[in-house]
Amino acid sequence: MYWLTTLLAEGEPQGGLDAFIRSPMLPLMAVVVVMFIMMSRGNARQRREMAKLLANLKKNDKVVTTGGIIGIVVAVKDTEDEVVLRVDETTNSRLRVLKSSIARVVTEEQQQPATATETKTS
């Protein structure tokens, strides 16, 4: 309302581009733009790494799904975007899961410390 009364009292509009540049809104908008750019760069990097991981998925890789299921890849179906996992060796249980549900591939280096602590507790 104050802006309207000053506009009517003076007859010509105040501000314009010069007032916008001096306003506290410009630094706030700059911070929001920078945050948006930084967040989108991080997401793009994660998507590239996940796509690379899924493209390099092969038979006998030990994987962990987003649901926490640990299994060994038996077959990779590229045409159907599916992976068959062996989850139990004694009963030979297998699960069909989507590639997108695989969270990570467990490497040999990650498995060795786990087996070392298991032998110490036995």
Protein backbone atom coordinates (compact mmCIF):
# COMPACT_ATOMS: atom_id res chain seq x y z
CA MET A 1 0.00 0.00 0.00
CA TYR A 2 2.90 2.36 0.78
CA TRP A 3 4.27 1.88 -2.72
CA LEU A 4 0.93 2.85 -4.23
CA THR A 5 0.71 6.06 -2.18
CA THR A 6 4.23 7.12 -3.13
CA LEU A 7 3.47 6.34 -6.77
CA LEU A 8 0.37 8.53 -6.73
CA ALA A 9 2.08 11.30 -4.79
CA GLU A 10 5.10 11.66 -7.04
CA GLY A 11 3.46 10.99 -10.37
CA GLU A 12 6.20 8.80 -11.85
CA PRO A 13 7.09 5.24 -10.93
CA GLN A 14 9.98 4.75 -8.57
CA GLY A 15 12.41 1.96 -8.75
CA GLY A 16 12.64 0.04 -11.94
CA LEU A 17 15.78 -1.92 -12.62
CA ASP A 18 17.97 0.25 -10.39
CA ALA A 19 15.77 -0.38 -7.34
CA PHE A 20 15.63 -4.12 -8.09
CA ILE A 21 19.43 -4.35 -8.21
CA ARG A 22 19.73 -2.58 -4.85
CA SER A 23 16.98 -4.67 -3.22
CA PRO A 24 17.79 -7.60 -0.90
CA MET A 25 15.86 -9.90 -3.25
CA LEU A 26 18.70 -10.14 -5.79
CA PRO A 27 21.26 -11.85 -3.49
CA LEU A 28 18.55 -14.21 -2.28
CA MET A 29 17.67 -15.18 -5.84
CA ALA A 30 21.36 -15.67 -6.64
CA VAL A 31 21.76 -18.06 -3.70
CA VAL A 32 18.72 -20.07 -4.80
CA VAL A 33 20.06 -20.35 -8.37
CA VAL A 34 23.51 -21.48 -7.17
CA MET A 35 21.95 -24.09 -4.83
CA PHE A 36 19.79 -25.42 -7.67
CA ILE A 37 22.81 -25.77 -9.97
CA MET A 38 24.89 -27.54 -7.30
CA MET A 39 22.09 -29.97 -6.44
CA SER A 40 21.39 -30.84 -10.07
CA ARG A 41 25.10 -31.50 -10.74
CA GLY A 42 25.27 -33.96 -7.84
CA ASN A 43 22.21 -35.84 -9.04
CA ALA A 44 23.57 -36.08 -12.57
CA ARG A 45 26.85 -37.51 -11.25
CA GLN A 46 25.00 -40.14 -9.22
CA ARG A 47 22.85 -41.11 -12.20
CA ARG A 48 25.95 -41.52 -14.40
CA GLU A 49 27.69 -43.70 -11.79
CA MET A 50 24.59 -45.87 -11.31
CA ALA A 51 24.13 -46.28 -15.07
CA LYS A 52 27.78 -47.31 -15.39
CA LEU A 53 27.39 -49.81 -12.53
CA LEU A 54 24.30 -51.37 -14.10
CA ALA A 55 25.89 -51.49 -17.56
CA ASN A 56 28.91 -53.38 -16.18
CA LEU A 57 26.78 -55.88 -14.26
CA LYS A 58 27.76 -59.45 -15.12
CA LYS A 59 27.27 -63.03 -14.02
CA ASN A 60 28.65 -64.01 -10.57
CA ASP A 61 28.65 -60.41 -9.24
CA LYS A 62 27.51 -60.18 -5.64
CA VAL A 63 24.90 -57.41 -5.36
CA VAL A 64 22.70 -55.75 -2.76
CA THR A 65 19.23 -54.57 -3.76
CA THR A 66 17.46 -51.50 -2.43
CA GLY A 67 15.32 -53.81 -0.32
CA GLY A 68 18.41 -55.25 1.38
CA ILE A 69 18.45 -58.58 -0.42
CA ILE A 70 21.94 -59.92 -1.02
CA GLY A 71 22.41 -62.23 -3.97
CA ILE A 72 24.67 -63.40 -6.74
CA VAL A 73 23.83 -62.55 -10.34
CA VAL A 74 22.91 -65.65 -12.32
CA ALA A 75 21.66 -64.01 -15.51
CA VAL A 76 21.37 -60.50 -16.90
CA LYS A 77 18.49 -59.91 -19.31
CA ASP A 78 19.27 -56.75 -21.25
CA THR A 79 16.11 -56.85 -23.33
CA GLU A 80 13.79 -57.11 -20.32
CA ASP A 81 15.77 -54.88 -17.89
CA GLU A 82 15.86 -57.80 -15.44
CA VAL A 83 18.47 -59.60 -13.40
CA VAL A 84 18.13 -63.09 -11.92
CA LEU A 85 19.71 -63.41 -8.47
CA ARG A 86 20.58 -66.56 -6.54
CA VAL A 87 19.75 -65.74 -2.92
CA ASP A 88 20.21 -69.11 -1.22
CA GLU A 89 22.78 -71.70 -2.19
CA THR A 90 21.30 -74.63 -0.29
CA THR A 91 17.84 -74.47 -1.87
CA ASN A 92 19.04 -72.74 -5.04
CA SER A 93 16.40 -70.02 -4.60
CA ARG A 94 16.32 -67.43 -7.34
CA LEU A 95 14.67 -64.03 -7.63
CA ARG A 96 13.96 -61.91 -10.67
CA VAL A 97 14.54 -58.24 -9.91
CA LEU A 98 14.70 -55.09 -11.99
CA LYS A 99 18.12 -53.65 -12.69
CA SER A 100 17.00 -50.36 -11.17
CA SER A 101 16.49 -52.07 -7.79
CA ILE A 102 20.20 -52.93 -7.48
CA ALA A 103 21.80 -50.52 -5.02
CA ARG A 104 25.43 -51.63 -5.20
CA VAL A 105 27.83 -54.35 -6.23
CA VAL A 106 29.86 -55.91 -3.42
CA THR A 107 33.49 -56.24 -4.47
CA GLU A 108 36.10 -58.73 -3.24
CA GLU A 109 37.77 -56.08 -1.06
CA GLN A 110 34.49 -55.36 0.72
CA GLN A 111 33.86 -59.06 1.34
CA GLN A 112 37.27 -59.84 2.88
CA PRO A 113 37.00 -57.63 6.01
CA ALA A 114 33.58 -59.12 6.72
CA THR A 115 34.89 -62.69 6.57
CA ALA A 116 37.90 -61.74 8.72
CA THR A 117 35.65 -60.50 11.52
CA GLU A 118 33.44 -63.59 11.22
CA THR A 119 36.43 -65.91 11.77
CA LYS A 120 37.58 -63.92 14.82
CA THR A 121 34.19 -64.28 16.52
CA SER A 122 33.99 -68.04 15.85
